[in-house]
C-alpha atoms as a PDB file:
ATOM      1  CA  MET A   1       0.000   0.000   0.000  1.00  0.00           C
ATOM      2  CA  ALA A   2       1.471   3.376  -1.014  1.00  0.00           C
ATOM      3  CA  ALA A   3       1.839   6.125   1.520  1.00  0.00           C
ATOM      4  CA  ALA A   4      -0.655   8.947   1.148  1.00  0.00           C
ATOM      5  CA  ALA A   5       0.707  12.334   0.190  1.00  0.00           C
ATOM      6  CA  PRO A   6       0.521  14.868   2.994  1.00  0.00           C
ATOM      7  CA  ALA A   7      -2.448  17.178   2.733  1.00  0.00           C
ATOM      8  CA  ALA A   8      -1.650  20.708   1.707  1.00  0.00           C
ATOM      9  CA  ARG A   9      -2.071  23.183   4.536  1.00  0.00           C
ATOM     10  CA  PRO A  10      -4.585  25.864   3.717  1.00  0.00           C
ATOM     11  CA  ALA A  11      -3.450  29.455   4.110  1.00  0.00           C
ATOM     12  CA  SER A  12      -4.545  31.009   7.361  1.00  0.00           C
ATOM     13  CA  SER A  13      -7.354  33.511   7.108  1.00  0.00           C
ATOM     14  CA  GLY A  14      -5.009  36.182   8.506  1.00  0.00           C
ATOM     15  CA  SER A  15      -2.487  35.762   5.694  1.00  0.00           C
ATOM     16  CA  VAL A  16      -5.275  35.764   3.107  1.00  0.00           C
ATOM     17  CA  ALA A  17      -6.685  38.971   4.595  1.00  0.00           C
ATOM     18  CA  ARG A  18      -3.241  40.636   4.630  1.00  0.00           C
ATOM     19  CA  THR A  19      -2.624  39.638   1.011  1.00  0.00           C
ATOM     20  CA  GLY A  20      -6.054  40.961   0.067  1.00  0.00           C
ATOM     21  CA  LEU A  21      -5.305  44.233   1.855  1.00  0.00           C
ATOM     22  CA  GLU A  22      -1.971  44.540   0.064  1.00  0.00           C
ATOM     23  CA  LEU A  23      -3.534  43.901  -3.364  1.00  0.00           C
ATOM     24  CA  LEU A  24      -6.382  46.313  -2.625  1.00  0.00           C
ATOM     25  CA  LEU A  25      -3.921  48.996  -1.521  1.00  0.00           C
ATOM     26  CA  PHE A  26      -1.810  48.577  -4.669  1.00  0.00           C
ATOM     27  CA  ALA A  27      -4.881  48.642  -6.938  1.00  0.00           C
ATOM     28  CA  TYR A  28      -6.426  51.639  -5.162  1.00  0.00           C
ATOM     29  CA  THR A  29      -3.123  53.537  -5.332  1.00  0.00           C
ATOM     30  CA  ASP A  30      -2.787  52.822  -9.058  1.00  0.00           C
ATOM     31  CA  HIS A  31      -6.399  53.933  -9.546  1.00  0.00           C
ATOM     32  CA  LEU A  32      -5.785  57.205  -7.702  1.00  0.00           C
ATOM     33  CA  LEU A  33      -2.614  57.862  -9.650  1.00  0.00           C
ATOM     34  CA  SER A  34      -4.417  57.278 -12.950  1.00  0.00           C
ATOM     35  CA  GLU A  35      -6.966  60.016 -12.216  1.00  0.00           C
ATOM     36  CA  PRO A  36      -6.553  63.142 -14.297  1.00  0.00           C
ATOM     37  CA  GLY A  37      -4.288  65.797 -12.886  1.00  0.00           C
ATOM     38  CA  GLU A  38      -0.597  66.414 -12.755  1.00  0.00           C
ATOM     39  CA  GLY A  39       1.770  68.279 -10.556  1.00  0.00           C
ATOM     40  CA  ILE A  40       2.375  68.593  -6.877  1.00  0.00           C
ATOM     41  CA  GLU A  41      -1.256  69.328  -5.981  1.00  0.00           C
ATOM     42  CA  ALA A  42      -2.530  66.157  -7.664  1.00  0.00           C
ATOM     43  CA  ARG A  43       0.150  63.999  -5.996  1.00  0.00           C
ATOM     44  CA  GLN A  44      -0.596  65.587  -2.605  1.00  0.00           C
ATOM     45  CA  ALA A  45      -4.311  64.836  -3.057  1.00  0.00           C
ATOM     46  CA  VAL A  46      -3.486  61.158  -3.757  1.00  0.00           C
ATOM     47  CA  LEU A  47      -1.288  60.947  -0.659  1.00  0.00           C
ATOM     48  CA  GLU A  48      -4.003  62.535   1.483  1.00  0.00           C
ATOM     49  CA  LYS A  49      -6.595  60.018   0.214  1.00  0.00           C
ATOM     50  CA  LEU A  50      -4.250  57.110   0.998  1.00  0.00           C
ATOM     51  CA  GLU A  51      -3.607  58.440   4.495  1.00  0.00           C
ATOM     52  CA  ALA A  52      -7.351  58.924   5.063  1.00  0.00           C
ATOM     53  CA  LEU A  53      -7.987  55.330   3.974  1.00  0.00           C
ATOM     54  CA  GLY A  54      -5.302  54.123   6.386  1.00  0.00           C
ATOM     55  CA  TYR A  55      -6.738  56.279   9.172  1.00  0.00           C
ATOM     56  CA  ASN A  56     -10.184  54.697   8.782  1.00  0.00           C
ATOM     57  CA  VAL A  57      -8.760  51.166   8.590  1.00  0.00           C
ATOM     58  CA  GLY A  58      -6.514  51.712  11.629  1.00  0.00           C
ATOM     59  CA  ARG A  59      -9.314  53.250  13.691  1.00  0.00           C
ATOM     60  CA  ARG A  60     -11.695  50.407  12.891  1.00  0.00           C
ATOM     61  CA  MET A  61      -9.077  47.720  13.534  1.00  0.00           C
ATOM     62  CA  ALA A  62      -8.249  49.235  16.926  1.00  0.00           C
ATOM     63  CA  GLU A  63     -11.943  49.477  17.814  1.00  0.00           C
ATOM     64  CA  ARG A  64     -12.377  45.814  16.903  1.00  0.00           C
ATOM     65  CA  LEU A  65      -9.321  44.830  18.944  1.00  0.00           C
ATOM     66  CA  MET A  66     -10.667  46.757  21.938  1.00  0.00           C
ATOM     67  CA  LEU A  67     -14.045  45.030  21.634  1.00  0.00           C
ATOM     68  CA  MET A  68     -12.225  41.710  21.927  1.00  0.00           C
ATOM     69  CA  GLN A  69     -10.292  43.029  24.951  1.00  0.00           C
ATOM     70  CA  TYR A  70     -13.286  44.754  26.628  1.00  0.00           C
ATOM     71  CA  GLU A  71     -11.329  47.760  27.870  1.00  0.00           C
ATOM     72  CA  LEU A  72      -9.315  50.722  26.680  1.00  0.00           C
ATOM     73  CA  PRO A  73      -5.587  50.609  27.396  1.00  0.00           C
ATOM     74  CA  ALA A  74      -4.447  52.695  30.339  1.00  0.00           C
ATOM     75  CA  GLY A  75      -1.958  55.256  29.093  1.00  0.00           C
ATOM     76  CA  THR A  76      -0.011  56.156  26.016  1.00  0.00           C
ATOM     77  CA  GLU A  77       2.683  53.519  26.554  1.00  0.00           C
ATOM     78  CA  LYS A  78       0.120  50.692  26.482  1.00  0.00           C
ATOM     79  CA  ALA A  79      -1.580  52.169  23.387  1.00  0.00           C
ATOM     80  CA  MET A  80       1.781  52.295  21.587  1.00  0.00           C
ATOM     81  CA  GLN A  81       2.476  48.677  22.522  1.00  0.00           C
ATOM     82  CA  ILE A  82      -0.888  47.642  21.089  1.00  0.00           C
ATOM     83  CA  VAL A  83      -0.114  49.475  17.833  1.00  0.00           C
ATOM     84  CA  CYS A  84       3.324  47.832  17.562  1.00  0.00           C
ATOM     85  CA  THR A  85       2.089  44.332  18.327  1.00  0.00           C
ATOM     86  CA  ARG A  86      -1.558  43.654  17.627  1.00  0.00           C
ATOM     87  CA  LEU A  87      -2.248  46.258  14.924  1.00  0.00           C
ATOM     88  CA  TRP A  88       1.095  45.632  13.197  1.00  0.00           C
ATOM     89  CA  ARG A  89       0.437  41.887  13.249  1.00  0.00           C
ATOM     90  CA  GLU A  90      -2.955  42.453  11.605  1.00  0.00           C
ATOM     91  CA  LEU A  91      -1.477  44.687   8.900  1.00  0.00           C
ATOM     92  CA  HIS A  92       1.931  43.104   8.322  1.00  0.00           C
ATOM     93  CA  GLY A  93       1.806  39.584   9.781  1.00  0.00           C
ATOM     94  CA  ARG A  94       4.340  40.278  12.532  1.00  0.00           C
ATOM     95  CA  ASN A  95       5.197  42.796  15.234  1.00  0.00           C
ATOM     96  CA  ALA A  96       7.023  46.039  14.469  1.00  0.00           C
ATOM     97  CA  SER A  97      10.791  45.619  14.765  1.00  0.00           C
ATOM     98  CA  ARG A  98      11.260  48.238  17.473  1.00  0.00           C
ATOM     99  CA  LEU A  99       9.417  50.746  19.651  1.00  0.00           C
ATOM    100  CA  LYS A 100      11.503  53.500  21.202  1.00  0.00           C
ATOM    101  CA  ARG A 101      10.372  56.323  23.466  1.00  0.00           C
ATOM    102  CA  LEU A 102      12.010  59.699  22.874  1.00  0.00           C
ATOM    103  CA  LYS A 103      12.949  61.296  26.159  1.00  0.00           C
ATOM    104  CA  GLN A 104      13.282  64.872  24.914  1.00  0.00           C
ATOM    105  CA  ASP A 105       9.682  65.316  23.759  1.00  0.00           C
ATOM    106  CA  GLY A 106       7.823  62.214  24.908  1.00  0.00           C
ATOM    107  CA  GLY A 107       7.232  61.015  21.347  1.00  0.00           C
ATOM    108  CA  TYR A 108       7.864  57.535  20.000  1.00  0.00           C
ATOM    109  CA  ILE A 109       9.676  55.885  17.109  1.00  0.00           C
ATOM    110  CA  ILE A 110       8.227  52.742  15.521  1.00  0.00           C
ATOM    111  CA  GLU A 111      10.704  50.925  13.285  1.00  0.00           C
ATOM    112  CA  ASP A 112       9.960  48.177  10.829  1.00  0.00           C
ATOM    113  CA  ASN A 113      13.143  46.745   9.326  1.00  0.00           C
ATOM    114  CA  HIS A 114      11.300  44.855   6.571  1.00  0.00           C
ATOM    115  CA  PHE A 115       8.194  46.833   5.666  1.00  0.00           C
ATOM    116  CA  ARG A 116       5.666  44.432   4.155  1.00  0.00           C
ATOM    117  CA  PHE A 117       4.328  46.731   1.452  1.00  0.00           C
ATOM    118  CA  PHE A 118       7.835  47.146  -0.012  1.00  0.00           C
ATOM    119  CA  ALA A 119       8.597  43.433  -0.384  1.00  0.00           C
ATOM    120  CA  SER A 120       7.140  43.154  -3.886  1.00  0.00           C
ATOM    121  CA  LEU A 121       7.931  46.625  -5.230  1.00  0.00           C
ATOM    122  CA  ALA A 122      10.105  47.222  -8.259  1.00  0.00           C
ATOM    123  CA  ALA A 123      10.856  50.542  -9.850  1.00  0.00           C
ATOM    124  CA  PRO A 124      11.124  51.140 -13.582  1.00  0.00           C
ATOM    125  CA  GLY A 125      14.673  51.609 -14.861  1.00  0.00           C
ATOM    126  CA  GLY A 126      16.318  54.814 -13.694  1.00  0.00           C
ATOM    127  CA  VAL A 127      13.757  55.443 -10.941  1.00  0.00           C
ATOM    128  CA  ASP A 128      14.648  55.145  -7.266  1.00  0.00           C
ATOM    129  CA  VAL A 129      12.420  52.519  -5.650  1.00  0.00           C
ATOM    130  CA  ARG A 130      11.962  54.911  -2.709  1.00  0.00           C
ATOM    131  CA  ASP A 131      10.085  57.312  -4.989  1.00  0.00           C
ATOM    132  CA  VAL A 132       7.697  54.505  -5.894  1.00  0.00           C
ATOM    133  CA  ALA A 133       7.461  53.258  -2.288  1.00  0.00           C
ATOM    134  CA  GLY A 134       6.638  56.593  -0.683  1.00  0.00           C
ATOM    135  CA  LYS A 135       2.961  56.459  -1.475  1.00  0.00           C
ATOM    136  CA  TYR A 136       2.552  53.083   0.272  1.00  0.00           C
ATOM    137  CA  VAL A 137       3.898  54.483   3.540  1.00  0.00           C
ATOM    138  CA  MET A 138       0.970  56.907   3.703  1.00  0.00           C
ATOM    139  CA  PHE A 139      -1.548  54.119   4.300  1.00  0.00           C
ATOM    140  CA  THR A 140       0.319  52.760   7.338  1.00  0.00           C
ATOM    141  CA  ARG A 141       1.011  56.274   8.598  1.00  0.00           C
ATOM    142  CA  GLY A 142      -2.736  56.912   8.578  1.00  0.00           C
ATOM    143  CA  ALA A 143      -3.458  53.501  10.144  1.00  0.00           C
ATOM    144  CA  VAL A 144      -1.136  54.244  13.080  1.00  0.00           C
ATOM    145  CA  ARG A 145      -2.758  57.628  13.641  1.00  0.00           C
ATOM    146  CA  GLY A 146      -6.291  56.204  13.361  1.00  0.00           C
ATOM    147  CA  ALA A 147      -5.531  53.358  15.773  1.00  0.00           C
ATOM    148  CA  LEU A 148      -4.047  55.758  18.307  1.00  0.00           C
ATOM    149  CA  VAL A 149      -7.115  58.013  18.120  1.00  0.00           C
ATOM    150  CA  ALA A 150      -9.356  54.989  18.733  1.00  0.00           C
ATOM    151  CA  LEU A 151      -7.172  54.129  21.742  1.00  0.00           C
ATOM    152  CA  GLY A 152      -7.525  57.645  23.153  1.00  0.00           C
ATOM    153  CA  VAL A 153      -4.165  59.098  22.037  1.00  0.00           C
ATOM    154  CA  SER A 154      -3.974  62.169  19.814  1.00  0.00           C
ATOM    155  CA  ALA A 155      -0.773  62.319  17.782  1.00  0.00           C
ATOM    156  CA  ALA A 156       0.821  63.313  14.506  1.00  0.00           C
ATOM    157  CA  VAL A 157       2.667  60.571  12.614  1.00  0.00           C
ATOM    158  CA  HIS A 158       5.547  61.112  10.186  1.00  0.00           C
ATOM    159  CA  ALA A 159       7.490  58.521   8.206  1.00  0.00           C
ATOM    160  CA  ASP A 160      10.990  58.277   6.794  1.00  0.00           C
ATOM    161  CA  TRP A 161      13.379  55.602   5.573  1.00  0.00           C
ATOM    162  CA  THR A 162      15.905  53.775   7.679  1.00  0.00           C
ATOM    163  CA  LYS A 163      19.438  53.314   6.346  1.00  0.00           C
ATOM    164  CA  ASP A 164      18.565  49.812   5.162  1.00  0.00           C
ATOM    165  CA  PHE A 165      15.712  49.864   2.663  1.00  0.00           C
ATOM    166  CA  PRO A 166      13.029  48.354   2.959  1.00  0.00           C
ATOM    167  CA  GLY A 167      13.119  49.661   6.528  1.00  0.00           C
ATOM    168  CA  VAL A 168      10.756  52.441   7.591  1.00  0.00           C
ATOM    169  CA  ARG A 169      10.664  54.592  10.705  1.00  0.00           C
ATOM    170  CA  PHE A 170       7.414  56.161  11.927  1.00  0.00           C
ATOM    171  CA  ARG A 171       7.803  59.087  14.311  1.00  0.00           C
ATOM    172  CA  VAL A 172       4.798  59.552  16.579  1.00  0.00           C
ATOM    173  CA  GLN A 173       4.577  63.077  17.995  1.00  0.00           C
ATOM    174  CA  LEU A 174       2.053  63.231  20.819  1.00  0.00           C
ATOM    175  CA  ASP A 175      -0.414  66.093  20.860  1.00  0.00           C
ATOM    176  CA  GLN A 176       0.677  68.140  23.870  1.00  0.00           C
ATOM    177  CA  THR A 177      -2.821  69.601  24.373  1.00  0.00           C
ATOM    178  CA  MET A 178      -3.956  66.268  25.785  1.00  0.00           C
ATOM    179  CA  PHE A 179      -1.481  66.768  28.647  1.00  0.00           C
ATOM    180  CA  SER A 180      -2.266  70.427  29.311  1.00  0.00           C
ATOM    181  CA  GLY A 181      -5.898  69.881  30.247  1.00  0.00           C
ATOM    182  CA  ALA A 182      -7.184  71.711  27.162  1.00  0.00           C
ATOM    183  CA  VAL A 183     -10.509  70.619  25.786  1.00  0.00           C
END
């Protein structure tokens, strides 16, 4: 009697969802870029739409995660940990590489040494892949900001490259009005 071949393992629903999100993001970005309009204003409008999409996705993912947890995290540090672990795992299939608190201004740095959305990018000849990749950072930048808002933290989020591409660094600047008692 011949041995039966091992059954193929189905892809987990999480990896299928992440792949679907990646394909949707690439298609939506290409769609936005194909809209009429040229110049800096048109490119800025595309980047703002991508960040807004990320903001809504991040906010909704954080709300869903909090429903499963039944409570809001206590404090900014806990909210940042949730973003770097649970939200990052939902978006990228693993935790962020590093979370660092900045002592001088109380902000944070989130580093991802192998940013998922850059893994399959290629630039046409003569074009720096970072120019192509920049628009895909906007989605995650918005997702981080949206998740933090859902977790009760108001902040601005900026992104830049690490020395080793495809690494990305997100700088989270906390809104100081939340500490001053302003409404």
